[in-house]
Structure formats: structure tokens, C-alpha cells
């Protein structure tokens, strides 16, 4: 249609040109062909010329179409292939979401040759294989993803590291991330992946070094970053040869973390500096209440436990319904041999929170008061609280087990390899 319009415009322009040189429509055109003479009006000549050009154009178009048929069919097949590949990709992802790993893997690999983004198919198939614990197949799919899209090396590498991390293969994840360091040093997801991997391997020094960059890039929620920051500084305290010096160098916010306070207080107790540990916990409780610090405070081996008990009773005025505070007060009263007061606090602790440590200590005090029957029932109930068993299933011979658990070293917030573990009594 475009050519027809162009020809029509050319004829109009030609006719105007003829008018300018005194050539009129009623003139004749004579065409000599060998011994033949063709004579026609000028307008007839123009019409014949127009039809001839149209016929030639149509012939050329038809001639070209014959050669274009193969290409058209090829493009049609390719479009159908893309359409089918997209359908199988969608089916595969739906199966992945549903947890049908085998079907997902099969669908995702069915049309990779026709897929416009085959590396997406391979990455999803790698996840499906990993969910089936088929790590060799997973690694093969990751290799094919690299091959299909070498320019997407960084994105594929992040996905690979994430799969390793999810599978608990943290050393492989760390190695993959190290290979991507040049590209990912300022990428938020890369930094987040690094932090998660280093935390899993307890490489706290690298976690500590990365946290400022993580905050700058907003790589993780602030609550998660703060938690990692606390764990990293706690690890520094744990591994330090001079915890007193390390404590002084901690940031102010970390000195206010209950877990760090408990760790340093235990270090002071190990050095028999009970006064410093007591003061540290008491000052910390002025800023924020913490059950773990309360439990540790109640177990301080004080020379004057009555003085510490009065401190706890002061805290109780603000929180009279706290089972932990009542247990701490009961323990300190028992230290000062004020058994009647201790029994009152311990019974209140059991009423409010049914704490196993309260059952144990109350049982001991009742044994001292020659009330062995009540004491045995308390031991059974306390063991039941610890183990989750019915007290009716616990034999009388286990009566002393709770006392041993309470006395032989179950500590509050015991630190193992840099992590704080709450062990309630």
C-alpha cells in the first residue's frame, strides 16, 4: 500500500510537471517498437504506466513470498516453542511452590532449548534437586546455568551460595561468595548473604567487620543487624584473654545488652569478685529488667544475702507477679537460713510460674523441716516440668535428680561457642 501511494504521488507530480512544459492531457504518445507503432492518449499512457508498475511490484512481492515461506514457518515454530517453554516454566514454578520437587524438576527441564531465559529454568531445577537431597544434580544444573548465561555470573553465584547455605554447606557458600567479591562488595544482597554465612560458621570477626557496611546498604533489618552485633561482641568477650579490657572497649550499647552483662558477670564470679558482679547486675537492672539477670542475681554467693534479698524485694515492688523475682528472693532467703521467708517466696514462684528451680529448692527446705512426703511430690513435679513427663511416671528414686540439676551447675544464660543459651531452673 505504501508503494501504491508513492506511485500515485509521483504521477500527480509528473502531471504537474508536464503542465509546466505545455504538455496537455489531450496530447498523444507514440511508442515505436521495431516496425510497430503504438499510439495512445497521454492520460492512457499514464494509466498504463501506473498499472505496469503495480503489476511489477505485485510480481516481485509474490516472488519474494515464495522464499519467505520457510522463514515465516520457522518464526511460527519458534513462537510456539517459546509459548510452550513459558507454560512449562510456569508449571514448574507452581510445582516448586507446592513442594512437588520431582514434578517441578521435570517440568523446568522439559523445554530449556526453547526458553528465552534457560538459566532461570536451571536455577529453579537446582533448588528442586536440592530439596530431594540430590546435590550432584543440583551442581550440574548450576553449571548449566552458568553456561547458558555467562553474563549473569553474579546473580547465579548468589543463588548458588544461597542454596549451599540452605543445605548447611557453609564452607562452599563462603567460597562462592569469595569468588564474587569483586562484583558484590557494594551489593546489599551479597553483604546479607555474607553475614548469614559467617554467622553460621561463627566467623564473628568477619561479621563484626561487615556490620557497618550492612547498615549503610540496609542489607538486613536493623533488628537482625543488632542481634548479630551483640553475638559478635559476645564472641569477642568469650575468646578474649583479658575480658576486663575487652569489656571496657565494648560500645555503650553493647554494655547494656543483658547477654553481655551476664557473660561478664560470670567471669567476675569465676574470679571471686562477687561484689563487682553484684554491682554490675544491679546497675543494669536500673536501666532494663531481664529475667536471666534476675536468676543470676539470686544465685550470687553473697556474704550478706539479706542485703541482696532486700534489693530483689525492691524490684518485686514494681513486679509483684514475677515468678523469677520470687524465686531469686527465695534463694537468697535460703542462703541466709531464713527458711520460712524462703518457703513463702518459693511457693509464690510456683504459683506464678511453676519454675522447676522453685520446686527443687522448696523440696530441699521441706526435707530439712522433716516433710519428706511433700518434698518428694515437689521433686516429682519439678522433674515433670523439666522433662515434659507426667509426674505419675517418675519413680521415687529420681527424687534427688532435680536437686542435682539445680545444684550441680545448670547456669542461666550459659555461653557455648559464642551463643547464649537460656537454661531455666
Protein backbone atom coordinates (compact mmCIF):
# COMPACT_ATOMS: atom_id res chain seq x y z
CA UNK A 1 0.00 0.00 0.00
CA UNK A 2 2.87 2.30 0.74
CA UNK A 3 4.29 1.83 -2.77
CA UNK A 4 0.90 2.49 -4.38
CA UNK A 5 0.60 5.79 -2.57
CA UNK A 6 4.11 6.73 -3.59
CA UNK A 7 3.37 5.96 -7.25
CA UNK A 8 0.16 7.98 -7.17
CA UNK A 9 2.00 10.94 -5.69
CA UNK A 10 4.71 10.58 -8.37
CA UNK A 11 2.05 10.60 -11.13
CA UNK A 12 0.43 13.71 -9.76
CA UNK A 13 3.79 15.43 -9.57
CA UNK A 14 4.61 14.28 -13.10
CA UNK A 15 1.33 15.60 -14.43
CA UNK A 16 2.03 18.95 -12.84
CA UNK A 17 5.47 18.96 -14.43
CA UNK A 18 4.01 18.27 -17.83
CA UNK A 19 1.66 21.19 -17.44
CA UNK A 20 4.59 23.45 -16.78
CA UNK A 21 6.19 22.50 -20.13
CA UNK A 22 2.94 22.79 -22.15
CA UNK A 23 2.15 19.06 -22.29
CA UNK A 24 -1.63 18.62 -22.06
CA UNK A 25 -3.77 15.56 -21.30
CA UNK A 26 -5.23 15.50 -24.86
CA UNK A 27 -1.78 15.08 -26.37
CA UNK A 28 -0.79 11.72 -27.80
CA UNK A 29 2.09 9.45 -27.00
CA UNK A 30 3.69 7.40 -29.79
CA UNK A 31 5.78 4.37 -28.97
CA UNK A 32 7.82 2.68 -31.71
CA UNK A 33 8.57 -1.00 -31.22
CA UNK A 34 10.52 -2.40 -34.17
CA UNK A 35 8.13 -1.90 -37.13
CA UNK A 36 5.12 -1.35 -34.88
CA UNK A 37 3.71 1.98 -33.82
CA UNK A 38 1.70 2.25 -30.66
CA UNK A 39 -0.21 5.48 -30.35
CA UNK A 40 -2.32 6.44 -27.33
CA UNK A 41 -3.52 9.45 -25.44
CA UNK A 42 -1.27 10.89 -22.79
CA UNK A 43 -3.73 10.01 -20.00
CA UNK A 44 -3.95 6.46 -21.28
CA UNK A 45 -0.17 6.24 -21.24
CA UNK A 46 -0.08 7.39 -17.64
CA UNK A 47 -2.73 4.84 -16.67
CA UNK A 48 -0.83 2.06 -18.46
CA UNK A 49 2.37 3.11 -16.75
CA UNK A 50 0.67 3.04 -13.36
CA UNK A 51 -0.80 -0.44 -13.92
CA UNK A 52 2.52 -1.74 -15.20
CA UNK A 53 4.35 -0.55 -12.12
CA UNK A 54 1.67 -2.11 -9.87
CA UNK A 55 1.94 -5.41 -11.75
CA UNK A 56 5.70 -5.45 -11.47
CA UNK A 57 5.51 -4.69 -7.72
CA UNK A 58 2.92 -7.44 -7.20
CA UNK A 59 5.05 -9.92 -9.12
CA UNK A 60 8.14 -9.10 -7.11
CA UNK A 61 6.18 -9.42 -3.85
CA UNK A 62 4.82 -12.84 -4.83
CA UNK A 63 8.26 -13.97 -5.93
CA UNK A 64 9.74 -12.90 -2.59
CA UNK A 65 6.94 -14.54 -0.62
CA UNK A 66 7.93 -17.91 -2.03
CA UNK A 67 11.33 -17.56 -0.40
CA UNK A 68 9.87 -16.09 2.79
CA UNK A 69 7.58 -19.05 3.48
CA UNK A 70 10.36 -21.03 5.15
CA UNK A 71 11.33 -18.14 7.38
CA UNK A 72 7.71 -17.44 8.33
CA UNK A 73 7.18 -21.09 9.26
CA UNK A 74 10.42 -21.08 11.25
CA UNK A 75 9.38 -17.98 13.17
CA UNK A 76 5.98 -19.53 13.85
CA UNK A 77 7.57 -22.66 15.22
CA UNK A 78 9.89 -20.56 17.38
CA UNK A 79 6.97 -18.58 18.80
CA UNK A 80 5.13 -21.79 19.59
CA UNK A 81 8.28 -23.13 21.23
CA UNK A 82 8.62 -20.00 23.39
CA UNK A 83 4.97 -20.25 24.34
CA UNK A 84 5.33 -23.90 25.34
CA UNK A 85 8.56 -23.16 27.23
CA UNK A 86 6.84 -20.40 29.20
CA UNK A 87 3.98 -22.75 30.04
CA UNK A 88 6.31 -25.46 31.33
CA UNK A 89 8.32 -22.85 33.27
CA UNK A 90 5.12 -21.67 34.96
CA UNK A 91 4.07 -25.25 35.70
CA UNK A 92 7.49 -25.99 37.15
CA UNK A 93 7.43 -22.97 39.44
CA UNK A 94 3.92 -23.81 40.67
CA UNK A 95 5.09 -27.34 41.48
CA UNK A 96 8.12 -25.87 43.26
CA UNK A 97 5.86 -23.70 45.40
CA UNK A 98 3.63 -26.69 46.18
CA UNK A 99 6.62 -28.78 47.21
CA UNK A 100 6.25 -31.34 44.42
CA UNK A 101 10.00 -31.36 43.81
CA UNK A 102 10.14 -34.24 41.35
CA UNK A 103 7.43 -32.82 39.08
CA UNK A 104 8.96 -29.36 39.36
CA UNK A 105 12.37 -30.60 38.26
CA UNK A 106 10.89 -32.49 35.31
CA UNK A 107 8.78 -29.54 34.11
CA UNK A 108 11.55 -26.99 34.48
CA UNK A 109 13.92 -29.04 32.32
CA UNK A 110 11.37 -30.06 29.66
CA UNK A 111 11.73 -27.06 27.30
CA UNK A 112 15.03 -25.42 28.17
CA UNK A 113 16.09 -25.43 24.49
CA UNK A 114 13.17 -23.14 23.62
CA UNK A 115 13.31 -20.97 26.72
CA UNK A 116 14.30 -17.34 26.38
CA UNK A 117 15.86 -17.49 29.85
CA UNK A 118 17.14 -21.06 30.26
CA UNK A 119 19.32 -20.16 33.24
CA UNK A 120 16.12 -19.42 35.20
CA UNK A 121 14.94 -22.96 34.47
CA UNK A 122 18.26 -24.40 35.62
CA UNK A 123 18.34 -22.35 38.83
CA UNK A 124 14.84 -23.42 39.79
CA UNK A 125 15.63 -27.03 38.88
CA UNK A 126 18.73 -26.81 41.11
CA UNK A 127 16.52 -25.85 44.03
CA UNK A 128 14.13 -28.73 43.28
CA UNK A 129 17.07 -31.15 43.15
CA UNK A 130 18.45 -29.86 46.44
CA UNK A 131 15.08 -30.36 48.13
CA UNK A 132 15.41 -34.02 47.14
CA UNK A 133 18.99 -34.10 48.54
CA UNK A 134 20.29 -34.68 45.02
CA UNK A 135 23.31 -32.44 45.35
CA UNK A 136 25.16 -33.77 42.31
CA UNK A 137 22.21 -32.94 40.07
CA UNK A 138 21.92 -29.55 41.74
CA UNK A 139 25.55 -28.74 40.99
CA UNK A 140 25.11 -29.91 37.39
CA UNK A 141 22.13 -27.58 36.91
CA UNK A 142 24.09 -24.68 38.39
CA UNK A 143 26.92 -25.37 35.94
CA UNK A 144 24.44 -25.37 33.06
CA UNK A 145 23.00 -22.07 34.31
CA UNK A 146 26.50 -20.53 34.19
CA UNK A 147 26.95 -21.90 30.67
CA UNK A 148 23.56 -20.60 29.49
CA UNK A 149 24.12 -17.08 30.81
CA UNK A 150 27.80 -16.27 31.43
CA UNK A 151 26.95 -12.57 31.74
CA UNK A 152 24.73 -13.35 34.76
CA UNK A 153 27.60 -14.85 36.72
CA UNK A 154 26.98 -12.65 39.77
CA UNK A 155 23.25 -13.39 40.06
CA UNK A 156 23.79 -17.11 39.52
CA UNK A 157 26.62 -17.08 42.05
CA UNK A 158 24.35 -15.51 44.67
CA UNK A 159 21.73 -18.17 44.02
CA UNK A 160 24.38 -20.87 44.29
CA UNK A 161 25.67 -19.51 47.61
CA UNK A 162 22.13 -19.31 48.94
CA UNK A 163 21.47 -22.94 48.02
CA UNK A 164 24.70 -24.02 49.73
CA UNK A 165 23.72 -22.04 52.81
CA UNK A 166 20.25 -23.60 52.90
CA UNK A 167 21.82 -27.06 52.62
CA UNK A 168 24.14 -26.36 55.54
CA UNK A 169 27.18 -26.36 53.23
CA UNK A 170 28.51 -23.12 54.66
CA UNK A 171 32.13 -23.56 53.60
CA UNK A 172 31.05 -23.96 49.95
CA UNK A 173 28.82 -20.92 50.30
CA UNK A 174 31.71 -18.89 51.69
CA UNK A 175 33.98 -19.99 48.83
CA UNK A 176 31.37 -18.98 46.25
CA UNK A 177 30.92 -15.58 47.87
CA UNK A 178 34.67 -15.03 47.93
CA UNK A 179 34.75 -15.63 44.16
CA UNK A 180 32.15 -12.86 43.74
CA UNK A 181 33.87 -10.33 45.98
CA UNK A 182 34.93 -8.01 43.15
CA UNK A 183 31.34 -7.64 41.91
CA UNK A 184 29.42 -7.78 45.15
CA UNK A 185 31.32 -5.57 47.57
CA UNK A 186 28.61 -2.89 47.41
CA UNK A 187 25.60 -5.12 46.75
CA UNK A 188 23.14 -5.33 49.65
CA UNK A 189 22.08 -8.93 48.97
CA UNK A 190 25.68 -10.04 48.67
CA UNK A 191 26.57 -8.47 52.01
CA UNK A 192 23.48 -10.00 53.64
CA UNK A 193 24.47 -13.41 52.30
CA UNK A 194 28.00 -12.95 53.63
CA UNK A 195 26.73 -12.07 57.10
CA UNK A 196 24.40 -15.06 57.24
CA UNK A 197 27.17 -17.40 56.12
CA UNK A 198 29.77 -16.03 58.53
CA UNK A 199 27.29 -16.24 61.38
CA UNK A 200 26.60 -19.88 60.51
CA UNK A 201 30.35 -20.64 60.58
CA UNK A 202 30.75 -18.44 63.70
CA UNK A 203 33.31 -16.30 61.94
CA UNK A 204 32.47 -13.42 64.26
CA UNK A 205 35.44 -11.26 63.37
CA UNK A 206 34.27 -11.01 59.76
CA UNK A 207 30.70 -10.44 60.93
CA UNK A 208 31.95 -7.57 63.09
CA UNK A 209 33.88 -6.05 60.17
CA UNK A 210 30.90 -6.26 57.79
CA UNK A 211 28.23 -4.80 60.06
CA UNK A 212 28.96 -1.10 59.30
CA UNK A 213 28.66 -1.76 55.56
CA UNK A 214 25.47 -3.78 56.13
CA UNK A 215 23.93 -0.83 57.98
CA UNK A 216 24.99 1.58 55.22
CA UNK A 217 23.47 -0.60 52.48
CA UNK A 218 20.41 -1.51 54.58
CA UNK A 219 21.22 -5.12 53.76
CA UNK A 220 19.22 -6.62 56.64
CA UNK A 221 16.56 -5.37 59.06
CA UNK A 222 18.05 -3.33 61.88
CA UNK A 223 16.84 -5.86 64.47
CA UNK A 224 18.80 -8.64 62.75
CA UNK A 225 21.90 -6.45 62.43
CA UNK A 226 21.66 -5.56 66.11
CA UNK A 227 21.36 -9.23 67.04
CA UNK A 228 24.46 -10.07 65.00
CA UNK A 229 26.29 -7.14 66.54
CA UNK A 230 25.52 -8.47 70.01
CA UNK A 231 26.60 -12.00 69.09
CA UNK A 232 29.84 -10.72 67.56
CA UNK A 233 30.77 -8.70 70.65
CA UNK A 234 29.78 -11.57 72.89
CA UNK A 235 32.14 -13.81 70.94
CA UNK A 236 34.90 -11.26 71.45
CA UNK A 237 34.24 -11.42 75.18
CA UNK A 238 34.24 -15.20 75.13
CA UNK A 239 37.53 -15.57 73.30
CA UNK A 240 39.34 -12.68 74.91
CA UNK A 241 42.27 -13.45 77.17
CA UNK A 242 41.54 -10.28 79.13
CA UNK A 243 37.78 -9.92 79.41
CA UNK A 244 38.03 -6.88 81.65
CA UNK A 245 39.93 -4.98 78.96
CA UNK A 246 37.58 -6.21 76.26
CA UNK A 247 34.57 -5.16 78.33
CA UNK A 248 35.95 -1.63 78.64
CA UNK A 249 36.34 -1.41 74.86
CA UNK A 250 32.76 -2.52 74.11
CA UNK A 251 30.44 0.15 72.70
CA UNK A 252 28.00 1.63 75.21
CA UNK A 253 25.04 -0.09 73.58
CA UNK A 254 26.74 -3.48 73.91
CA UNK A 255 27.46 -2.87 77.59
CA UNK A 256 23.70 -2.56 78.04
CA UNK A 257 22.93 -5.92 76.44
CA UNK A 258 21.77 -8.39 79.13
CA UNK A 259 23.56 -11.32 77.48
CA UNK A 260 26.90 -9.49 77.54
CA UNK A 261 26.30 -8.35 81.11
CA UNK A 262 25.55 -11.91 82.21
CA UNK A 263 28.68 -13.21 80.49
CA UNK A 264 30.95 -10.62 82.07
CA UNK A 265 29.29 -11.07 85.49
CA UNK A 266 30.03 -14.80 85.33
CA UNK A 267 33.64 -14.01 84.51
CA UNK A 268 33.78 -11.81 87.60
CA UNK A 269 32.28 -14.62 89.67
CA UNK A 270 34.89 -17.04 88.35
CA UNK A 271 37.47 -14.60 89.69
CA UNK A 272 35.62 -14.50 93.05
CA UNK A 273 34.79 -10.83 92.55
CA UNK A 274 31.21 -11.21 93.79
CA UNK A 275 30.89 -7.56 94.72
CA UNK A 276 31.71 -6.35 91.22
CA UNK A 277 29.34 -8.89 89.67
CA UNK A 278 26.54 -7.84 92.04
CA UNK A 279 27.06 -4.16 91.30
CA UNK A 280 27.16 -4.81 87.55
CA UNK A 281 23.84 -6.67 87.58
CA UNK A 282 22.18 -4.20 89.96
CA UNK A 283 23.16 -1.21 87.81
CA UNK A 284 21.99 -3.00 84.67
CA UNK A 285 18.61 -3.67 86.25
CA UNK A 286 18.16 0.06 86.81
CA UNK A 287 18.07 0.56 83.03
CA UNK A 288 16.13 -2.53 81.97
CA UNK A 289 14.56 -5.57 83.55
CA UNK A 290 15.80 -9.01 82.49
CA UNK A 291 14.76 -12.42 83.86
CA UNK A 292 18.14 -14.00 83.13
CA UNK A 293 19.97 -11.35 85.16
CA UNK A 294 17.45 -11.78 87.97
CA UNK A 295 18.12 -15.51 88.08
CA UNK A 296 21.87 -14.95 88.13
CA UNK A 297 21.48 -12.35 90.89
CA UNK A 298 19.52 -14.82 93.01
CA UNK A 299 22.40 -17.30 92.85
CA UNK A 300 25.20 -14.91 93.83
CA UNK A 301 27.25 -16.40 96.70
CA UNK A 302 26.98 -13.28 98.84
CA UNK A 303 28.47 -12.79 102.29
CA UNK A 304 25.33 -10.85 103.23
CA UNK A 305 22.48 -12.45 101.27
CA UNK A 306 19.90 -10.50 103.30
CA UNK A 307 21.17 -7.28 101.69
CA UNK A 308 20.75 -8.77 98.20
CA UNK A 309 17.32 -10.09 99.11
CA UNK A 310 16.19 -6.60 100.03
CA UNK A 311 17.34 -5.42 96.59
CA UNK A 312 15.23 -8.14 94.97
CA UNK A 313 12.29 -7.24 97.19
CA UNK A 314 12.64 -3.70 95.89
CA UNK A 315 12.36 -4.99 92.34
CA UNK A 316 9.36 -7.05 93.44
CA UNK A 317 7.51 -3.91 94.42
CA UNK A 318 7.43 -2.96 90.74
CA UNK A 319 6.77 -6.53 89.53
CA UNK A 320 4.99 -8.48 92.27
CA UNK A 321 3.71 -11.07 89.75
CA UNK A 322 7.19 -12.06 88.56
CA UNK A 323 7.91 -15.73 89.23
CA UNK A 324 11.63 -15.21 88.58
CA UNK A 325 11.90 -12.42 91.17
CA UNK A 326 10.09 -14.53 93.76
CA UNK A 327 12.46 -17.44 93.05
CA UNK A 328 15.51 -15.16 93.38
CA UNK A 329 14.22 -13.78 96.68
CA UNK A 330 13.56 -17.32 97.89
CA UNK A 331 17.08 -18.45 97.02
CA UNK A 332 18.65 -15.52 98.83
CA UNK A 333 16.44 -16.09 101.86
CA UNK A 334 17.52 -19.75 101.88
CA UNK A 335 21.17 -18.61 101.79
CA UNK A 336 20.62 -16.59 104.94
CA UNK A 337 18.88 -19.63 106.54
CA UNK A 338 15.59 -17.74 106.76
CA UNK A 339 13.61 -20.81 105.69
CA UNK A 340 10.12 -19.53 106.50
CA UNK A 341 10.58 -16.46 104.33
CA UNK A 342 12.23 -18.57 101.61
CA UNK A 343 9.32 -21.02 101.57
CA UNK A 344 6.85 -18.16 101.15
CA UNK A 345 8.71 -16.74 98.15
CA UNK A 346 9.19 -20.18 96.58
CA UNK A 347 5.52 -21.10 96.93
CA UNK A 348 4.65 -17.80 95.25
CA UNK A 349 7.13 -18.52 92.44
CA UNK A 350 5.48 -21.92 91.87
CA UNK A 351 2.04 -20.36 91.91
CA UNK A 352 3.03 -17.74 89.33
CA UNK A 353 5.35 -19.66 87.04
CA UNK A 354 5.81 -23.27 88.14
CA UNK A 355 9.58 -22.89 87.80
CA UNK A 356 11.48 -26.21 88.20
CA UNK A 357 14.16 -24.49 90.31
CA UNK A 358 11.49 -23.38 92.78
CA UNK A 359 10.21 -26.95 93.13
CA UNK A 360 13.74 -28.20 93.79
CA UNK A 361 14.70 -25.64 96.43
CA UNK A 362 11.32 -25.83 98.15
CA UNK A 363 11.70 -29.62 98.29
CA UNK A 364 15.07 -29.25 99.98
CA UNK A 365 13.66 -26.87 102.58
CA UNK A 366 10.74 -29.20 103.28
CA UNK A 367 13.15 -32.12 103.71
CA UNK A 368 15.02 -30.04 106.25
CA UNK A 369 11.71 -29.47 108.01
CA UNK A 370 11.09 -33.27 108.03
CA UNK A 371 8.28 -33.05 105.45
CA UNK A 372 9.71 -35.71 103.14
CA UNK A 373 6.34 -36.62 101.59
CA UNK A 374 5.68 -33.10 100.36
CA UNK A 375 9.30 -32.79 99.29
CA UNK A 376 9.13 -35.94 97.17
CA UNK A 377 5.99 -34.71 95.44
CA UNK A 378 7.71 -31.42 94.69
CA UNK A 379 10.75 -33.21 93.24
CA UNK A 380 8.50 -35.29 91.01
CA UNK A 381 6.59 -32.24 89.83
CA UNK A 382 9.80 -30.36 89.17
CA UNK A 383 11.26 -33.22 87.12
CA UNK A 384 8.00 -33.43 85.21
CA UNK A 385 8.31 -29.73 84.38
CA UNK A 386 11.87 -30.27 83.14
CA UNK A 387 11.20 -33.40 81.09
CA UNK A 388 7.60 -32.95 80.00
CA UNK A 389 6.66 -36.32 81.55
CA UNK A 390 3.70 -36.89 83.81
CA UNK A 391 4.71 -36.78 87.47
CA UNK A 392 2.93 -40.13 87.92
CA UNK A 393 5.53 -41.76 85.62
CA UNK A 394 8.52 -40.55 87.63
CA UNK A 395 9.82 -43.08 90.14
CA UNK A 396 10.65 -42.12 93.75
CA UNK A 397 14.30 -42.97 93.09
CA UNK A 398 14.51 -39.90 90.87
CA UNK A 399 13.63 -37.61 93.74
CA UNK A 400 17.13 -36.19 94.08
CA UNK A 401 17.63 -35.62 90.37
CA UNK A 402 16.09 -32.19 90.40
CA UNK A 403 18.29 -31.12 93.29
CA UNK A 404 21.38 -32.31 91.45
CA UNK A 405 20.29 -30.45 88.35
CA UNK A 406 19.76 -27.32 90.39
CA UNK A 407 22.96 -27.55 92.43
CA UNK A 408 25.49 -29.03 90.00
CA UNK A 409 25.82 -26.27 87.55
CA UNK A 410 22.86 -25.61 85.31
CA UNK A 411 23.51 -21.92 84.84
CA UNK A 412 21.38 -19.19 83.47
CA UNK A 413 22.42 -17.95 80.05
CA UNK A 414 25.34 -20.36 79.79
CA UNK A 415 27.51 -19.40 76.84
CA UNK A 416 28.54 -22.12 74.42
CA UNK A 417 30.76 -21.21 71.49
CA UNK A 418 29.63 -17.62 71.38
CA UNK A 419 25.89 -18.16 71.69
CA UNK A 420 23.77 -17.54 74.75
CA UNK A 421 21.63 -20.44 75.87
CA UNK A 422 18.86 -19.89 78.40
CA UNK A 423 18.74 -22.77 80.87
CA UNK A 424 15.89 -22.05 83.23
CA UNK A 425 15.88 -23.90 86.56
